Amino acid sequence: MIIPSENKGTVLYVEDNIDNRTLVRRILLSEDYTLIEAVNAAECLKVLEHTKPDLILMDINMPGINGFETTRR
């Protein structure tokens, strides 16, 4: 999901926990960042095929492919 704003920059946030995503979404949008959310490594890698965010925040302990392996890819 892409949530545009006035754009201080674009952040890709990869997190499988809905509560964590909600908290970070509120913070980043209140600071006028554009937010792209992914719920797992597969979504993250798909987003990165066509988008180059300024920053990636990623959960390390995701089911399936963890954050370390996703970063390596």
N, C-alpha and C. Protein backbone atom coordinates (compact mmCIF):
# COMPACT_ATOMS: atom_id res chain seq x y z
N MET A 1 0.84 -1.17 0.00
CA MET A 1 0.00 0.00 0.00
C MET A 1 0.89 1.23 0.00
N ILE A 2 0.64 2.18 -0.89
CA ILE A 2 1.39 3.43 -0.94
C ILE A 2 0.50 4.54 -0.39
N ILE A 3 1.04 5.26 0.58
CA ILE A 3 0.31 6.37 1.19
C ILE A 3 1.12 7.63 0.92
N PRO A 4 0.69 8.45 -0.06
CA PRO A 4 1.47 9.66 -0.40
C PRO A 4 1.25 10.79 0.61
N SER A 5 2.22 11.68 0.65
CA SER A 5 2.09 12.87 1.48
C SER A 5 2.87 14.00 0.81
N GLU A 6 3.17 15.06 1.56
CA GLU A 6 3.90 16.20 1.03
C GLU A 6 5.32 15.83 0.63
N ASN A 7 5.82 14.76 1.14
CA ASN A 7 7.05 14.11 0.73
C ASN A 7 8.35 14.72 1.19
N LYS A 8 8.71 14.39 2.40
CA LYS A 8 10.07 14.62 2.87
C LYS A 8 10.97 13.54 2.31
N GLY A 9 10.38 12.48 1.85
CA GLY A 9 11.09 11.33 1.31
C GLY A 9 10.14 10.15 1.33
N THR A 10 10.58 9.05 0.75
CA THR A 10 9.76 7.85 0.69
C THR A 10 10.38 6.76 1.55
N VAL A 11 9.56 6.15 2.40
CA VAL A 11 9.99 5.08 3.29
C VAL A 11 9.22 3.82 2.94
N LEU A 12 9.96 2.73 2.76
CA LEU A 12 9.36 1.41 2.62
C LEU A 12 9.45 0.75 3.98
N TYR A 13 8.30 0.39 4.53
CA TYR A 13 8.25 -0.24 5.86
C TYR A 13 7.76 -1.67 5.68
N VAL A 14 8.60 -2.63 6.09
CA VAL A 14 8.30 -4.05 5.92
C VAL A 14 8.08 -4.64 7.31
N GLU A 15 6.84 -5.01 7.59
CA GLU A 15 6.47 -5.47 8.94
C GLU A 15 5.23 -6.34 8.85
N ASP A 16 5.28 -7.50 9.48
CA ASP A 16 4.13 -8.41 9.45
C ASP A 16 3.14 -8.15 10.57
N ASN A 17 3.52 -7.39 11.58
CA ASN A 17 2.65 -7.12 12.72
C ASN A 17 1.82 -5.85 12.46
N ILE A 18 0.50 -6.00 12.46
CA ILE A 18 -0.40 -4.89 12.15
C ILE A 18 -0.28 -3.74 13.15
N ASP A 19 -0.10 -4.06 14.42
CA ASP A 19 0.02 -3.00 15.44
C ASP A 19 1.27 -2.15 15.21
N ASN A 20 2.37 -2.81 14.90
CA ASN A 20 3.61 -2.08 14.61
C ASN A 20 3.45 -1.21 13.36
N ARG A 21 2.82 -1.77 12.31
CA ARG A 21 2.60 -1.00 11.09
C ARG A 21 1.75 0.24 11.35
N THR A 22 0.72 0.07 12.16
CA THR A 22 -0.17 1.20 12.47
C THR A 22 0.59 2.30 13.20
N LEU A 23 1.39 1.94 14.17
CA LEU A 23 2.16 2.92 14.94
C LEU A 23 3.14 3.67 14.03
N VAL A 24 3.92 2.94 13.27
CA VAL A 24 4.91 3.58 12.40
C VAL A 24 4.24 4.41 11.32
N ARG A 25 3.11 3.93 10.78
CA ARG A 25 2.35 4.70 9.78
C ARG A 25 1.97 6.07 10.35
N ARG A 26 1.42 6.08 11.56
CA ARG A 26 1.00 7.34 12.18
C ARG A 26 2.17 8.31 12.33
N ILE A 27 3.29 7.79 12.78
CA ILE A 27 4.47 8.64 13.00
C ILE A 27 5.00 9.20 11.69
N LEU A 28 5.19 8.33 10.70
CA LEU A 28 5.79 8.78 9.44
C LEU A 28 4.87 9.74 8.69
N LEU A 29 3.58 9.44 8.66
CA LEU A 29 2.66 10.33 7.94
C LEU A 29 2.53 11.67 8.64
N SER A 30 2.60 11.67 9.97
CA SER A 30 2.52 12.94 10.70
C SER A 30 3.74 13.81 10.43
N GLU A 31 4.83 13.19 9.98
CA GLU A 31 6.06 13.92 9.65
C GLU A 31 6.20 14.16 8.15
N ASP A 32 5.12 13.91 7.39
CA ASP A 32 5.05 14.19 5.95
C ASP A 32 5.97 13.33 5.08
N TYR A 33 6.14 12.07 5.44
CA TYR A 33 6.85 11.13 4.57
C TYR A 33 5.83 10.39 3.71
N THR A 34 6.26 9.98 2.53
CA THR A 34 5.46 9.06 1.74
C THR A 34 5.79 7.66 2.24
N LEU A 35 4.76 6.87 2.48
CA LEU A 35 4.95 5.55 3.08
C LEU A 35 4.49 4.46 2.12
N ILE A 36 5.36 3.46 1.95
CA ILE A 36 5.00 2.24 1.23
C ILE A 36 5.10 1.12 2.25
N GLU A 37 4.06 0.31 2.35
CA GLU A 37 4.05 -0.79 3.32
C GLU A 37 4.09 -2.13 2.60
N ALA A 38 4.83 -3.05 3.19
CA ALA A 38 4.84 -4.44 2.75
C ALA A 38 4.74 -5.31 3.99
N VAL A 39 4.02 -6.43 3.89
CA VAL A 39 3.80 -7.27 5.06
C VAL A 39 4.75 -8.45 5.14
N ASN A 40 5.56 -8.66 4.10
CA ASN A 40 6.52 -9.76 4.13
C ASN A 40 7.63 -9.50 3.11
N ALA A 41 8.60 -10.39 3.09
CA ALA A 41 9.75 -10.23 2.21
C ALA A 41 9.37 -10.27 0.74
N ALA A 42 8.45 -11.15 0.38
CA ALA A 42 8.04 -11.26 -1.02
C ALA A 42 7.44 -9.94 -1.51
N GLU A 43 6.57 -9.32 -0.72
CA GLU A 43 6.00 -8.03 -1.10
C GLU A 43 7.09 -6.96 -1.20
N CYS A 44 8.01 -6.97 -0.26
CA CYS A 44 9.11 -6.01 -0.26
C CYS A 44 9.91 -6.10 -1.56
N LEU A 45 10.30 -7.30 -1.92
CA LEU A 45 11.11 -7.50 -3.13
C LEU A 45 10.33 -7.10 -4.38
N LYS A 46 9.04 -7.35 -4.38
CA LYS A 46 8.20 -6.95 -5.51
C LYS A 46 8.13 -5.43 -5.64
N VAL A 47 7.95 -4.74 -4.50
CA VAL A 47 7.93 -3.28 -4.50
C VAL A 47 9.25 -2.73 -5.03
N LEU A 48 10.35 -3.34 -4.64
CA LEU A 48 11.66 -2.83 -5.03
C LEU A 48 11.97 -3.04 -6.51
N GLU A 49 11.17 -3.85 -7.19
CA GLU A 49 11.36 -4.01 -8.63
C GLU A 49 11.00 -2.74 -9.39
N HIS A 50 10.11 -1.92 -8.83
CA HIS A 50 9.65 -0.72 -9.54
C HIS A 50 9.72 0.57 -8.72
N THR A 51 10.21 0.50 -7.48
CA THR A 51 10.28 1.67 -6.62
C THR A 51 11.63 1.70 -5.91
N LYS A 52 12.18 2.88 -5.78
CA LYS A 52 13.44 3.05 -5.06
C LYS A 52 13.21 4.02 -3.90
N PRO A 53 12.85 3.48 -2.72
CA PRO A 53 12.59 4.36 -1.58
C PRO A 53 13.88 5.00 -1.07
N ASP A 54 13.71 6.07 -0.33
CA ASP A 54 14.86 6.73 0.28
C ASP A 54 15.37 5.96 1.50
N LEU A 55 14.47 5.22 2.14
CA LEU A 55 14.81 4.47 3.34
C LEU A 55 13.95 3.22 3.41
N ILE A 56 14.55 2.12 3.88
CA ILE A 56 13.79 0.89 4.12
C ILE A 56 13.90 0.56 5.60
N LEU A 57 12.75 0.46 6.26
CA LEU A 57 12.68 -0.03 7.64
C LEU A 57 12.11 -1.43 7.57
N MET A 58 12.83 -2.41 8.12
CA MET A 58 12.40 -3.79 7.95
C MET A 58 12.49 -4.58 9.25
N ASP A 59 11.45 -5.34 9.49
CA ASP A 59 11.43 -6.30 10.59
C ASP A 59 12.44 -7.39 10.27
N ILE A 60 13.19 -7.81 11.24
CA ILE A 60 14.17 -8.88 11.03
C ILE A 60 13.52 -10.25 11.18
N ASN A 61 12.60 -10.40 12.13
CA ASN A 61 11.99 -11.69 12.44
C ASN A 61 10.64 -11.87 11.76
N MET A 62 10.67 -11.98 10.44
CA MET A 62 9.44 -12.22 9.69
C MET A 62 9.34 -13.70 9.37
N PRO A 63 8.12 -14.23 9.26
CA PRO A 63 7.97 -15.63 8.86
C PRO A 63 8.44 -15.81 7.41
N GLY A 64 8.90 -16.99 7.10
CA GLY A 64 9.40 -17.24 5.75
C GLY A 64 10.80 -16.68 5.61
N ILE A 65 10.98 -15.76 4.70
CA ILE A 65 12.29 -15.13 4.49
C ILE A 65 12.45 -14.02 5.52
N ASN A 66 13.50 -14.11 6.33
CA ASN A 66 13.68 -13.08 7.37
C ASN A 66 14.30 -11.82 6.80
N GLY A 67 14.42 -10.81 7.61
CA GLY A 67 14.93 -9.52 7.17
C GLY A 67 16.37 -9.55 6.70
N PHE A 68 17.20 -10.38 7.32
CA PHE A 68 18.59 -10.50 6.89
C PHE A 68 18.68 -11.04 5.47
N GLU A 69 17.95 -12.10 5.19
CA GLU A 69 17.96 -12.70 3.86
C GLU A 69 17.35 -11.75 2.83
N THR A 70 16.30 -11.05 3.21
CA THR A 70 15.69 -10.08 2.30
C THR A 70 16.68 -9.00 1.94
N THR A 71 17.42 -8.50 2.91
CA THR A 71 18.43 -7.47 2.66
C THR A 71 19.52 -8.00 1.74
N ARG A 72 19.93 -9.23 1.94
CA ARG A 72 20.98 -9.82 1.09
C ARG A 72 20.51 -9.88 -0.36
N ARG A 73 19.24 -10.23 -0.57
CA ARG A 73 18.69 -10.33 -1.93
C ARG A 73 18.57 -8.98 -2.57
